[in-house]
């Protein structure tokens, strides 16, 4: 049997807070790296994260906070990284602690910018973490619903299924059900793509397309995702599983989805910059779109939805024009 040991959270946003709630409910002790000391002080004083999911109460005696990433990484055995993908490299630049013997779990639904690799691959290349010490968490799940303790299903993926099962057991509760997978890379790519497709769904919503077309969009999106995953990692997988199709649907349809909200604003005529300013939260699909477009230049998979979102966000092509071309390609 594998023991996850002492577990720490790296990141201070809504999903980090939701995962911390789940884990500390099982372990009654976690380490928690947040980069800002003022946020940590407010957290201790208030008993909740001052910036995200403020309704989730914590017993702060069960949390070792630190703004020193090295202090947390040295002291803990399992490290759950939940930072936005555009900021991951900046956090890791501060890192002097070796990670090769740590169990690294990524709950980051994005590609590492400039590197154009999924997060597990980045930890393997840059920090010599063995593949069997790398795992990821997949939905479908929104942090807000986890905070409300609404029933959610999570998948833990790791090439070592014993380790995946050990961490899945940590996450289990009355409102969290878990399963395991060995498809780390496939799930990480699907987590990026579903954000891109959620932006597309939002754009179409902003353009006043109805539910009939949204269903066609989602059915084409899962086919597009399947084509890409078969190309980059041709293993036997069922994309109808909740970690793929389920995560796509919840991100594409839910009002909790910041990527859908971002896309809706673009469809209504907002510029990218104005939408980002008004949201005040990161829509990871914006960055994921560019990374996936660059990655697919090597694989040449037919991905018309990805191409359409890229053209709207980065080439500034009119959403009306680009989506009309997209609708003509669907059957």
C-alpha atoms as a PDB file:
ATOM      1  CA  UNK A   1       0.000   0.000   0.000  1.00  0.00           C
ATOM      2  CA  UNK A   2       1.067   3.583  -0.666  1.00  0.00           C
ATOM      3  CA  UNK A   3       0.790   6.274   2.006  1.00  0.00           C
ATOM      4  CA  UNK A   4       0.295   9.854   0.763  1.00  0.00           C
ATOM      5  CA  UNK A   5       1.931  11.127   3.965  1.00  0.00           C
ATOM      6  CA  UNK A   6       1.608  14.806   4.793  1.00  0.00           C
ATOM      7  CA  UNK A   7      -0.344  16.716   2.143  1.00  0.00           C
ATOM      8  CA  UNK A   8       0.040  20.354   1.097  1.00  0.00           C
ATOM      9  CA  UNK A   9      -1.827  22.699  -1.216  1.00  0.00           C
ATOM     10  CA  UNK A  10       0.104  25.031  -3.536  1.00  0.00           C
ATOM     11  CA  UNK A  11      -2.153  27.917  -4.595  1.00  0.00           C
ATOM     12  CA  UNK A  12      -4.815  30.154  -3.093  1.00  0.00           C
ATOM     13  CA  UNK A  13      -7.706  30.378  -5.564  1.00  0.00           C
ATOM     14  CA  UNK A  14     -11.196  28.896  -5.575  1.00  0.00           C
ATOM     15  CA  UNK A  15     -10.275  25.377  -6.746  1.00  0.00           C
ATOM     16  CA  UNK A  16      -7.328  25.297  -4.311  1.00  0.00           C
ATOM     17  CA  UNK A  17      -9.741  26.257  -1.527  1.00  0.00           C
ATOM     18  CA  UNK A  18     -12.243  23.582  -2.543  1.00  0.00           C
ATOM     19  CA  UNK A  19      -9.550  20.878  -2.642  1.00  0.00           C
ATOM     20  CA  UNK A  20      -8.206  22.052   0.714  1.00  0.00           C
ATOM     21  CA  UNK A  21     -11.710  21.681   2.162  1.00  0.00           C
ATOM     22  CA  UNK A  22     -11.939  18.114   0.861  1.00  0.00           C
ATOM     23  CA  UNK A  23      -8.467  17.041   1.994  1.00  0.00           C
ATOM     24  CA  UNK A  24      -8.443  18.625   5.450  1.00  0.00           C
ATOM     25  CA  UNK A  25     -11.818  17.027   6.143  1.00  0.00           C
ATOM     26  CA  UNK A  26     -10.037  13.675   5.836  1.00  0.00           C
ATOM     27  CA  UNK A  27      -6.556  14.390   7.221  1.00  0.00           C
ATOM     28  CA  UNK A  28      -7.264  17.216   9.731  1.00  0.00           C
ATOM     29  CA  UNK A  29      -3.922  18.728   8.815  1.00  0.00           C
ATOM     30  CA  UNK A  30      -2.574  20.307   5.635  1.00  0.00           C
ATOM     31  CA  UNK A  31       0.196  22.629   4.600  1.00  0.00           C
ATOM     32  CA  UNK A  32      -0.897  25.546   2.447  1.00  0.00           C
ATOM     33  CA  UNK A  33       1.327  27.794   0.361  1.00  0.00           C
ATOM     34  CA  UNK A  34      -0.110  31.200  -0.491  1.00  0.00           C
ATOM     35  CA  UNK A  35       2.184  33.815  -1.945  1.00  0.00           C
ATOM     36  CA  UNK A  36       0.750  36.810  -0.040  1.00  0.00           C
ATOM     37  CA  UNK A  37       1.309  37.203   3.715  1.00  0.00           C
ATOM     38  CA  UNK A  38      -1.610  39.625   4.024  1.00  0.00           C
ATOM     39  CA  UNK A  39      -3.971  36.971   2.625  1.00  0.00           C
ATOM     40  CA  UNK A  40      -2.621  34.450   5.124  1.00  0.00           C
ATOM     41  CA  UNK A  41      -3.120  36.879   8.016  1.00  0.00           C
ATOM     42  CA  UNK A  42      -6.688  37.614   6.904  1.00  0.00           C
ATOM     43  CA  UNK A  43      -7.368  33.882   6.501  1.00  0.00           C
ATOM     44  CA  UNK A  44      -6.209  33.175  10.067  1.00  0.00           C
ATOM     45  CA  UNK A  45      -8.259  36.073  11.435  1.00  0.00           C
ATOM     46  CA  UNK A  46     -11.461  35.328   9.506  1.00  0.00           C
ATOM     47  CA  UNK A  47     -11.361  31.530   9.383  1.00  0.00           C
ATOM     48  CA  UNK A  48     -11.932  31.493   5.628  1.00  0.00           C
ATOM     49  CA  UNK A  49     -10.111  32.394   2.421  1.00  0.00           C
ATOM     50  CA  UNK A  50     -10.625  36.173   2.159  1.00  0.00           C
ATOM     51  CA  UNK A  51     -10.569  36.142  -1.646  1.00  0.00           C
ATOM     52  CA  UNK A  52     -12.364  32.963  -2.745  1.00  0.00           C
ATOM     53  CA  UNK A  53     -15.243  30.749  -1.564  1.00  0.00           C
ATOM     54  CA  UNK A  54     -15.692  32.913   1.518  1.00  0.00           C
ATOM     55  CA  UNK A  55     -18.560  30.710   2.769  1.00  0.00           C
ATOM     56  CA  UNK A  56     -16.182  27.777   3.357  1.00  0.00           C
ATOM     57  CA  UNK A  57     -15.079  27.810   6.976  1.00  0.00           C
ATOM     58  CA  UNK A  58     -11.817  26.235   8.156  1.00  0.00           C
ATOM     59  CA  UNK A  59     -10.321  25.360  11.496  1.00  0.00           C
ATOM     60  CA  UNK A  60      -7.056  27.209  10.945  1.00  0.00           C
ATOM     61  CA  UNK A  61      -5.406  25.184  13.736  1.00  0.00           C
ATOM     62  CA  UNK A  62      -5.414  22.337  11.190  1.00  0.00           C
ATOM     63  CA  UNK A  63      -3.493  24.382   8.593  1.00  0.00           C
ATOM     64  CA  UNK A  64       0.187  25.268   8.408  1.00  0.00           C
ATOM     65  CA  UNK A  65       0.277  28.374   6.214  1.00  0.00           C
ATOM     66  CA  UNK A  66       3.409  29.741   4.574  1.00  0.00           C
ATOM     67  CA  UNK A  67       4.288  32.238   1.868  1.00  0.00           C
ATOM     68  CA  UNK A  68       7.579  30.356   1.410  1.00  0.00           C
ATOM     69  CA  UNK A  69       7.069  27.658  -1.226  1.00  0.00           C
ATOM     70  CA  UNK A  70      10.339  25.967  -0.242  1.00  0.00           C
ATOM     71  CA  UNK A  71       9.258  25.624   3.379  1.00  0.00           C
ATOM     72  CA  UNK A  72       6.053  23.842   2.386  1.00  0.00           C
ATOM     73  CA  UNK A  73       7.652  21.656  -0.293  1.00  0.00           C
ATOM     74  CA  UNK A  74      10.400  20.503   2.089  1.00  0.00           C
ATOM     75  CA  UNK A  75       8.007  19.583   4.893  1.00  0.00           C
ATOM     76  CA  UNK A  76       5.293  17.758   2.943  1.00  0.00           C
ATOM     77  CA  UNK A  77       5.221  14.483   1.018  1.00  0.00           C
ATOM     78  CA  UNK A  78       2.287  15.030  -1.370  1.00  0.00           C
ATOM     79  CA  UNK A  79       2.072  18.402  -3.104  1.00  0.00           C
ATOM     80  CA  UNK A  80      -1.138  19.432  -4.866  1.00  0.00           C
ATOM     81  CA  UNK A  81      -0.461  22.232  -7.341  1.00  0.00           C
ATOM     82  CA  UNK A  82      -3.558  24.369  -7.955  1.00  0.00           C
ATOM     83  CA  UNK A  83      -2.133  27.582  -9.398  1.00  0.00           C
ATOM     84  CA  UNK A  84      -3.347  29.100 -12.680  1.00  0.00           C
ATOM     85  CA  UNK A  85      -1.201  27.654 -15.469  1.00  0.00           C
ATOM     86  CA  UNK A  86       0.114  31.066 -16.664  1.00  0.00           C
ATOM     87  CA  UNK A  87       1.677  31.623 -13.219  1.00  0.00           C
ATOM     88  CA  UNK A  88       3.059  28.142 -12.541  1.00  0.00           C
ATOM     89  CA  UNK A  89       6.561  28.854 -13.853  1.00  0.00           C
ATOM     90  CA  UNK A  90       6.886  32.017 -11.765  1.00  0.00           C
ATOM     91  CA  UNK A  91       6.022  30.101  -8.587  1.00  0.00           C
ATOM     92  CA  UNK A  92       8.425  27.307  -9.448  1.00  0.00           C
ATOM     93  CA  UNK A  93      11.277  29.737 -10.188  1.00  0.00           C
ATOM     94  CA  UNK A  94      11.478  30.288  -6.418  1.00  0.00           C
ATOM     95  CA  UNK A  95      11.817  26.567  -5.783  1.00  0.00           C
ATOM     96  CA  UNK A  96      15.148  25.248  -4.502  1.00  0.00           C
ATOM     97  CA  UNK A  97      13.728  22.108  -2.884  1.00  0.00           C
ATOM     98  CA  UNK A  98      14.103  18.887  -4.848  1.00  0.00           C
ATOM     99  CA  UNK A  99      10.827  17.365  -5.985  1.00  0.00           C
ATOM    100  CA  UNK A 100      11.953  14.047  -7.437  1.00  0.00           C
ATOM    101  CA  UNK A 101      10.898  12.065  -4.340  1.00  0.00           C
ATOM    102  CA  UNK A 102       7.604  13.927  -3.795  1.00  0.00           C
ATOM    103  CA  UNK A 103       4.178  12.765  -4.967  1.00  0.00           C
ATOM    104  CA  UNK A 104       3.095  15.604  -7.270  1.00  0.00           C
ATOM    105  CA  UNK A 105      -0.584  16.086  -8.069  1.00  0.00           C
ATOM    106  CA  UNK A 106      -1.715  18.714 -10.549  1.00  0.00           C
ATOM    107  CA  UNK A 107      -5.184  20.189 -10.388  1.00  0.00           C
ATOM    108  CA  UNK A 108      -4.205  22.777 -12.994  1.00  0.00           C
ATOM    109  CA  UNK A 109      -6.446  22.808 -16.037  1.00  0.00           C
ATOM    110  CA  UNK A 110      -4.017  24.397 -18.424  1.00  0.00           C
ATOM    111  CA  UNK A 111      -0.845  24.116 -20.477  1.00  0.00           C
ATOM    112  CA  UNK A 112       2.456  25.595 -19.271  1.00  0.00           C
ATOM    113  CA  UNK A 113       2.816  28.691 -21.502  1.00  0.00           C
ATOM    114  CA  UNK A 114       5.973  29.029 -23.626  1.00  0.00           C
ATOM    115  CA  UNK A 115       6.759  25.372 -22.920  1.00  0.00           C
ATOM    116  CA  UNK A 116       3.534  24.063 -24.544  1.00  0.00           C
ATOM    117  CA  UNK A 117       3.482  20.922 -22.421  1.00  0.00           C
ATOM    118  CA  UNK A 118       0.949  19.631 -19.918  1.00  0.00           C
ATOM    119  CA  UNK A 119       1.865  20.187 -16.284  1.00  0.00           C
ATOM    120  CA  UNK A 120       2.857  16.603 -15.478  1.00  0.00           C
ATOM    121  CA  UNK A 121       5.305  16.605 -18.386  1.00  0.00           C
ATOM    122  CA  UNK A 122       6.759  19.911 -17.160  1.00  0.00           C
ATOM    123  CA  UNK A 123       7.402  18.490 -13.679  1.00  0.00           C
ATOM    124  CA  UNK A 124       9.016  15.429 -15.253  1.00  0.00           C
ATOM    125  CA  UNK A 125      11.293  17.415 -17.576  1.00  0.00           C
ATOM    126  CA  UNK A 126      12.271  20.264 -15.266  1.00  0.00           C
ATOM    127  CA  UNK A 127      12.302  18.580 -11.839  1.00  0.00           C
ATOM    128  CA  UNK A 128      13.037  14.930 -12.690  1.00  0.00           C
ATOM    129  CA  UNK A 129       9.839  13.715 -11.045  1.00  0.00           C
ATOM    130  CA  UNK A 130       9.250  10.086 -12.158  1.00  0.00           C
ATOM    131  CA  UNK A 131       6.023   9.486 -14.082  1.00  0.00           C
ATOM    132  CA  UNK A 132       4.768   7.133 -11.375  1.00  0.00           C
ATOM    133  CA  UNK A 133       5.029  10.022  -8.896  1.00  0.00           C
ATOM    134  CA  UNK A 134       2.886  12.309 -11.065  1.00  0.00           C
ATOM    135  CA  UNK A 135      -0.892  12.447 -10.865  1.00  0.00           C
ATOM    136  CA  UNK A 136      -3.744  14.751 -11.804  1.00  0.00           C
ATOM    137  CA  UNK A 137      -7.277  15.440 -10.583  1.00  0.00           C
ATOM    138  CA  UNK A 138     -10.129  15.640 -13.090  1.00  0.00           C
ATOM    139  CA  UNK A 139     -13.759  16.691 -12.785  1.00  0.00           C
ATOM    140  CA  UNK A 140     -16.490  17.255 -13.655  1.00  0.00           C
ATOM    141  CA  UNK A 141     -16.552  19.636 -10.736  1.00  0.00           C
ATOM    142  CA  UNK A 142     -16.931  23.308  -9.983  1.00  0.00           C
ATOM    143  CA  UNK A 143     -15.300  24.668  -6.861  1.00  0.00           C
ATOM    144  CA  UNK A 144     -18.522  26.467  -5.951  1.00  0.00           C
ATOM    145  CA  UNK A 145     -20.512  23.225  -5.849  1.00  0.00           C
ATOM    146  CA  UNK A 146     -17.829  21.452  -3.836  1.00  0.00           C
ATOM    147  CA  UNK A 147     -18.048  24.346  -1.368  1.00  0.00           C
ATOM    148  CA  UNK A 148     -21.799  23.730  -1.128  1.00  0.00           C
ATOM    149  CA  UNK A 149     -21.122  20.005  -0.618  1.00  0.00           C
ATOM    150  CA  UNK A 150     -23.155  19.070  -3.665  1.00  0.00           C
ATOM    151  CA  UNK A 151     -22.454  15.548  -4.897  1.00  0.00           C
ATOM    152  CA  UNK A 152     -19.401  15.567  -7.178  1.00  0.00           C
ATOM    153  CA  UNK A 153     -17.315  12.904  -8.921  1.00  0.00           C
ATOM    154  CA  UNK A 154     -13.528  13.215  -9.202  1.00  0.00           C
ATOM    155  CA  UNK A 155     -11.037  11.097 -11.122  1.00  0.00           C
ATOM    156  CA  UNK A 156      -7.453  10.701  -9.910  1.00  0.00           C
ATOM    157  CA  UNK A 157      -5.087   9.691 -12.698  1.00  0.00           C
ATOM    158  CA  UNK A 158      -1.586   8.266 -12.219  1.00  0.00           C
ATOM    159  CA  UNK A 159       0.476   5.699 -14.097  1.00  0.00           C
ATOM    160  CA  UNK A 160       0.805   3.916 -10.741  1.00  0.00           C
ATOM    161  CA  UNK A 161      -2.796   2.975  -9.969  1.00  0.00           C
ATOM    162  CA  UNK A 162      -1.932   2.041  -6.382  1.00  0.00           C
ATOM    163  CA  UNK A 163      -0.917   5.646  -5.746  1.00  0.00           C
ATOM    164  CA  UNK A 164      -3.964   6.922  -7.617  1.00  0.00           C
ATOM    165  CA  UNK A 165      -6.197   4.790  -5.378  1.00  0.00           C
ATOM    166  CA  UNK A 166      -4.441   5.975  -2.214  1.00  0.00           C
ATOM    167  CA  UNK A 167      -5.059   9.618  -3.024  1.00  0.00           C
ATOM    168  CA  UNK A 168      -8.589   8.940  -4.304  1.00  0.00           C
ATOM    169  CA  UNK A 169      -9.327   7.499  -0.861  1.00  0.00           C
ATOM    170  CA  UNK A 170      -8.189  10.781   0.705  1.00  0.00           C
ATOM    171  CA  UNK A 171     -10.736  12.670  -1.391  1.00  0.00           C
ATOM    172  CA  UNK A 172     -13.705  10.382  -0.665  1.00  0.00           C
ATOM    173  CA  UNK A 173     -16.521  11.759   1.471  1.00  0.00           C
ATOM    174  CA  UNK A 174     -20.304  11.857   1.671  1.00  0.00           C
ATOM    175  CA  UNK A 175     -20.340  14.363  -1.197  1.00  0.00           C
ATOM    176  CA  UNK A 176     -17.241  13.280  -3.170  1.00  0.00           C
ATOM    177  CA  UNK A 177     -17.111  10.013  -5.095  1.00  0.00           C
ATOM    178  CA  UNK A 178     -13.867   8.998  -6.766  1.00  0.00           C
ATOM    179  CA  UNK A 179     -12.447   6.726  -9.432  1.00  0.00           C
ATOM    180  CA  UNK A 180      -8.968   6.164 -10.860  1.00  0.00           C
ATOM    181  CA  UNK A 181      -7.311   6.187 -14.266  1.00  0.00           C
ATOM    182  CA  UNK A 182      -3.837   5.807 -15.730  1.00  0.00           C
ATOM    183  CA  UNK A 183      -4.446   8.327 -18.547  1.00  0.00           C
ATOM    184  CA  UNK A 184      -2.658  11.323 -17.007  1.00  0.00           C
ATOM    185  CA  UNK A 185      -1.690  13.069 -20.247  1.00  0.00           C
ATOM    186  CA  UNK A 186      -5.033  12.407 -21.925  1.00  0.00           C
ATOM    187  CA  UNK A 187      -6.973  13.812 -18.991  1.00  0.00           C
ATOM    188  CA  UNK A 188      -4.701  16.852 -18.760  1.00  0.00           C
ATOM    189  CA  UNK A 189      -5.184  17.642 -22.460  1.00  0.00           C
ATOM    190  CA  UNK A 190      -8.940  17.106 -22.189  1.00  0.00           C
ATOM    191  CA  UNK A 191      -9.027  19.512 -19.226  1.00  0.00           C
ATOM    192  CA  UNK A 192      -7.425  22.165 -21.419  1.00  0.00           C
ATOM    193  CA  UNK A 193      -9.620  21.520 -24.441  1.00  0.00           C
ATOM    194  CA  UNK A 194     -12.886  21.588 -22.509  1.00  0.00           C
ATOM    195  CA  UNK A 195     -12.050  25.164 -21.471  1.00  0.00           C
ATOM    196  CA  UNK A 196     -11.557  26.102 -25.132  1.00  0.00           C
ATOM    197  CA  UNK A 197     -14.881  24.513 -26.030  1.00  0.00           C
ATOM    198  CA  UNK A 198     -16.587  26.283 -23.128  1.00  0.00           C
ATOM    199  CA  UNK A 199     -15.393  29.595 -24.561  1.00  0.00           C
ATOM    200  CA  UNK A 200     -16.902  28.549 -27.889  1.00  0.00           C
ATOM    201  CA  UNK A 201     -20.184  27.721 -26.121  1.00  0.00           C
ATOM    202  CA  UNK A 202     -20.137  31.109 -24.431  1.00  0.00           C
ATOM    203  CA  UNK A 203     -19.448  32.934 -27.692  1.00  0.00           C
ATOM    204  CA  UNK A 204     -22.409  31.170 -29.285  1.00  0.00           C
ATOM    205  CA  UNK A 205     -24.578  32.062 -26.300  1.00  0.00           C
ATOM    206  CA  UNK A 206     -23.522  35.693 -26.602  1.00  0.00           C
ATOM    207  CA  UNK A 207     -24.457  35.561 -30.271  1.00  0.00           C
ATOM    208  CA  UNK A 208     -27.950  34.285 -29.276  1.00  0.00           C
ATOM    209  CA  UNK A 209     -27.580  30.744 -30.579  1.00  0.00           C
ATOM    210  CA  UNK A 210     -30.012  28.467 -28.744  1.00  0.00           C
ATOM    211  CA  UNK A 211     -29.841  25.144 -26.943  1.00  0.00           C
ATOM    212  CA  UNK A 212     -30.358  23.193 -30.168  1.00  0.00           C
ATOM    213  CA  UNK A 213     -27.101  24.472 -31.614  1.00  0.00           C
ATOM    214  CA  UNK A 214     -25.255  24.213 -28.281  1.00  0.00           C
ATOM    215  CA  UNK A 215     -25.992  20.471 -28.305  1.00  0.00           C
ATOM    216  CA  UNK A 216     -24.516  20.161 -31.793  1.00  0.00           C
ATOM    217  CA  UNK A 217     -21.494  22.198 -30.706  1.00  0.00           C
ATOM    218  CA  UNK A 218     -20.847  19.924 -27.712  1.00  0.00           C
ATOM    219  CA  UNK A 219     -21.248  16.739 -29.762  1.00  0.00           C
ATOM    220  CA  UNK A 220     -18.715  18.059 -32.281  1.00  0.00           C
ATOM    221  CA  UNK A 221     -16.431  19.158 -29.445  1.00  0.00           C
ATOM    222  CA  UNK A 222     -16.192  15.665 -27.935  1.00  0.00           C
ATOM    223  CA  UNK A 223     -15.427  14.252 -31.391  1.00  0.00           C
ATOM    224  CA  UNK A 224     -12.707  16.867 -31.869  1.00  0.00           C
ATOM    225  CA  UNK A 225     -11.268  16.107 -28.423  1.00  0.00           C
ATOM    226  CA  UNK A 226     -11.287  12.382 -29.196  1.00  0.00           C
ATOM    227  CA  UNK A 227      -9.406  12.903 -32.475  1.00  0.00           C
ATOM    228  CA  UNK A 228      -6.705  14.901 -30.720  1.00  0.00           C
ATOM    229  CA  UNK A 229      -6.292  12.486 -27.807  1.00  0.00           C
ATOM    230  CA  UNK A 230      -6.071   9.488 -30.156  1.00  0.00           C
ATOM    231  CA  UNK A 231      -3.278  11.272 -32.019  1.00  0.00           C
ATOM    232  CA  UNK A 232      -1.169  12.474 -29.075  1.00  0.00           C
ATOM    233  CA  UNK A 233      -1.656   9.383 -26.874  1.00  0.00           C
ATOM    234  CA  UNK A 234      -3.233   6.476 -28.746  1.00  0.00           C
ATOM    235  CA  UNK A 235      -4.397   4.262 -25.892  1.00  0.00           C
ATOM    236  CA  UNK A 236      -7.701   2.556 -25.203  1.00  0.00           C
ATOM    237  CA  UNK A 237      -9.864   5.187 -23.470  1.00  0.00           C
ATOM    238  CA  UNK A 238     -13.575   5.937 -23.325  1.00  0.00           C
ATOM    239  CA  UNK A 239     -14.098   9.649 -23.962  1.00  0.00           C
ATOM    240  CA  UNK A 240     -17.697   9.237 -22.806  1.00  0.00           C
ATOM    241  CA  UNK A 241     -16.272   8.846 -19.285  1.00  0.00           C
ATOM    242  CA  UNK A 242     -16.987  11.626 -16.790  1.00  0.00           C
ATOM    243  CA  UNK A 243     -13.354  12.801 -16.777  1.00  0.00           C
ATOM    244  CA  UNK A 244     -13.682  13.708 -20.488  1.00  0.00           C
ATOM    245  CA  UNK A 245     -17.288  14.160 -21.615  1.00  0.00           C
ATOM    246  CA  UNK A 246     -18.634  14.991 -18.158  1.00  0.00           C
ATOM    247  CA  UNK A 247     -16.037  17.696 -17.568  1.00  0.00           C
ATOM    248  CA  UNK A 248     -16.712  19.101 -21.038  1.00  0.00           C
ATOM    249  CA  UNK A 249     -20.458  19.317 -20.426  1.00  0.00           C
ATOM    250  CA  UNK A 250     -20.285  20.959 -17.010  1.00  0.00           C
ATOM    251  CA  UNK A 251     -17.772  23.528 -18.251  1.00  0.00           C
ATOM    252  CA  UNK A 252     -19.677  24.213 -21.437  1.00  0.00           C
ATOM    253  CA  UNK A 253     -23.117  24.608 -19.852  1.00  0.00           C
ATOM    254  CA  UNK A 254     -22.733  25.801 -16.267  1.00  0.00           C
ATOM    255  CA  UNK A 255     -23.072  29.411 -15.136  1.00  0.00           C
ATOM    256  CA  UNK A 256     -20.211  28.682 -12.705  1.00  0.00           C
ATOM    257  CA  UNK A 257     -17.890  28.241 -15.707  1.00  0.00           C
ATOM    258  CA  UNK A 258     -15.648  31.283 -16.008  1.00  0.00           C
ATOM    259  CA  UNK A 259     -14.608  30.156 -19.507  1.00  0.00           C
ATOM    260  CA  UNK A 260     -18.215  30.113 -20.668  1.00  0.00           C
ATOM    261  CA  UNK A 261     -18.790  33.535 -19.053  1.00  0.00           C
ATOM    262  CA  UNK A 262     -15.685  34.880 -20.774  1.00  0.00           C
ATOM    263  CA  UNK A 263     -16.879  33.524 -24.131  1.00  0.00           C
ATOM    264  CA  UNK A 264     -20.350  34.979 -23.636  1.00  0.00           C
ATOM    265  CA  UNK A 265     -18.831  38.418 -23.147  1.00  0.00           C
ATOM    266  CA  UNK A 266     -16.788  38.026 -26.335  1.00  0.00           C
ATOM    267  CA  UNK A 267     -19.936  36.963 -28.210  1.00  0.00           C
ATOM    268  CA  UNK A 268     -21.728  40.084 -26.930  1.00  0.00           C
ATOM    269  CA  UNK A 269     -19.011  42.316 -28.357  1.00  0.00           C
ATOM    270  CA  UNK A 270     -16.510  42.763 -25.532  1.00  0.00           C
ATOM    271  CA  UNK A 271     -12.858  42.922 -26.475  1.00  0.00           C
ATOM    272  CA  UNK A 272     -10.612  40.288 -24.934  1.00  0.00           C
ATOM    273  CA  UNK A 273      -8.989  42.857 -22.653  1.00  0.00           C
ATOM    274  CA  UNK A 274     -12.246  44.387 -21.458  1.00  0.00           C
ATOM    275  CA  UNK A 275     -13.721  40.938 -20.762  1.00  0.00           C
ATOM    276  CA  UNK A 276     -10.656  39.948 -18.734  1.00  0.00           C
ATOM    277  CA  UNK A 277     -10.783  43.173 -16.714  1.00  0.00           C
ATOM    278  CA  UNK A 278     -14.484  42.850 -15.935  1.00  0.00           C
ATOM    279  CA  UNK A 279     -14.242  39.174 -14.934  1.00  0.00           C
ATOM    280  CA  UNK A 280     -11.427  39.746 -12.401  1.00  0.00           C
ATOM    281  CA  UNK A 281     -10.694  36.002 -12.620  1.00  0.00           C
ATOM    282  CA  UNK A 282      -8.589  34.010 -15.047  1.00  0.00           C
ATOM    283  CA  UNK A 283     -10.303  32.156 -17.870  1.00  0.00           C
ATOM    284  CA  UNK A 284      -7.643  29.513 -18.464  1.00  0.00           C
ATOM    285  CA  UNK A 285      -9.120  28.657 -21.844  1.00  0.00           C
ATOM    286  CA  UNK A 286      -7.859  31.958 -23.243  1.00  0.00           C
ATOM    287  CA  UNK A 287      -4.248  30.888 -22.693  1.00  0.00           C
ATOM    288  CA  UNK A 288      -5.044  27.244 -23.456  1.00  0.00           C
ATOM    289  CA  UNK A 289      -6.392  28.186 -26.891  1.00  0.00           C
ATOM    290  CA  UNK A 290      -3.068  29.648 -28.018  1.00  0.00           C
ATOM    291  CA  UNK A 291      -1.042  26.793 -26.539  1.00  0.00           C
ATOM    292  CA  UNK A 292      -3.248  24.122 -28.119  1.00  0.00           C
ATOM    293  CA  UNK A 293      -3.137  25.868 -31.492  1.00  0.00           C
ATOM    294  CA  UNK A 294       0.668  25.846 -31.359  1.00  0.00           C
ATOM    295  CA  UNK A 295       0.801  22.221 -30.202  1.00  0.00           C
ATOM    296  CA  UNK A 296      -1.554  21.122 -32.973  1.00  0.00           C
ATOM    297  CA  UNK A 297       0.752  22.626 -35.612  1.00  0.00           C
ATOM    298  CA  UNK A 298       2.893  19.543 -34.949  1.00  0.00           C
ATOM    299  CA  UNK A 299       0.028  17.031 -35.049  1.00  0.00           C
ATOM    300  CA  UNK A 300      -2.247  18.474 -37.776  1.00  0.00           C
ATOM    301  CA  UNK A 301      -5.458  17.153 -36.214  1.00  0.00           C
ATOM    302  CA  UNK A 302      -8.673  18.493 -37.751  1.00  0.00           C
ATOM    303  CA  UNK A 303      -9.859  20.876 -34.982  1.00  0.00           C
ATOM    304  CA  UNK A 304     -12.284  23.447 -36.425  1.00  0.00           C
ATOM    305  CA  UNK A 305     -13.657  24.573 -33.031  1.00  0.00           C
ATOM    306  CA  UNK A 306     -10.179  25.233 -31.654  1.00  0.00           C
ATOM    307  CA  UNK A 307      -9.297  27.093 -34.856  1.00  0.00           C
ATOM    308  CA  UNK A 308     -12.463  29.219 -34.647  1.00  0.00           C
ATOM    309  CA  UNK A 309     -11.860  30.226 -31.020  1.00  0.00           C
ATOM    310  CA  UNK A 310      -8.219  31.023 -31.797  1.00  0.00           C
ATOM    311  CA  UNK A 311      -9.203  33.204 -34.756  1.00  0.00           C
ATOM    312  CA  UNK A 312     -11.704  35.133 -32.637  1.00  0.00           C
ATOM    313  CA  UNK A 313      -9.438  35.640 -29.622  1.00  0.00           C
ATOM    314  CA  UNK A 314      -6.049  36.117 -31.276  1.00  0.00           C
ATOM    315  CA  UNK A 315      -6.678  37.089 -34.893  1.00  0.00           C
ATOM    316  CA  UNK A 316      -9.578  39.391 -33.957  1.00  0.00           C
ATOM    317  CA  UNK A 317     -11.869  37.921 -36.552  1.00  0.00           C
ATOM    318  CA  UNK A 318     -15.515  38.806 -35.975  1.00  0.00           C
ATOM    319  CA  UNK A 319     -17.306  36.177 -33.839  1.00  0.00           C
ATOM    320  CA  UNK A 320     -20.313  36.409 -36.183  1.00  0.00           C
ATOM    321  CA  UNK A 321     -18.174  35.623 -39.220  1.00  0.00           C
ATOM    322  CA  UNK A 322     -16.105  32.885 -37.581  1.00  0.00           C
ATOM    323  CA  UNK A 323     -19.024  31.067 -35.962  1.00  0.00           C
ATOM    324  CA  UNK A 324     -20.995  31.182 -39.238  1.00  0.00           C
ATOM    325  CA  UNK A 325     -18.077  29.410 -40.924  1.00  0.00           C
ATOM    326  CA  UNK A 326     -18.009  26.909 -38.064  1.00  0.00           C
ATOM    327  CA  UNK A 327     -21.720  26.140 -38.325  1.00  0.00           C
ATOM    328  CA  UNK A 328     -21.276  25.405 -42.036  1.00  0.00           C
ATOM    329  CA  UNK A 329     -18.672  22.750 -41.167  1.00  0.00           C
ATOM    330  CA  UNK A 330     -20.966  20.855 -38.758  1.00  0.00           C
ATOM    331  CA  UNK A 331     -23.244  18.020 -39.785  1.00  0.00           C
END
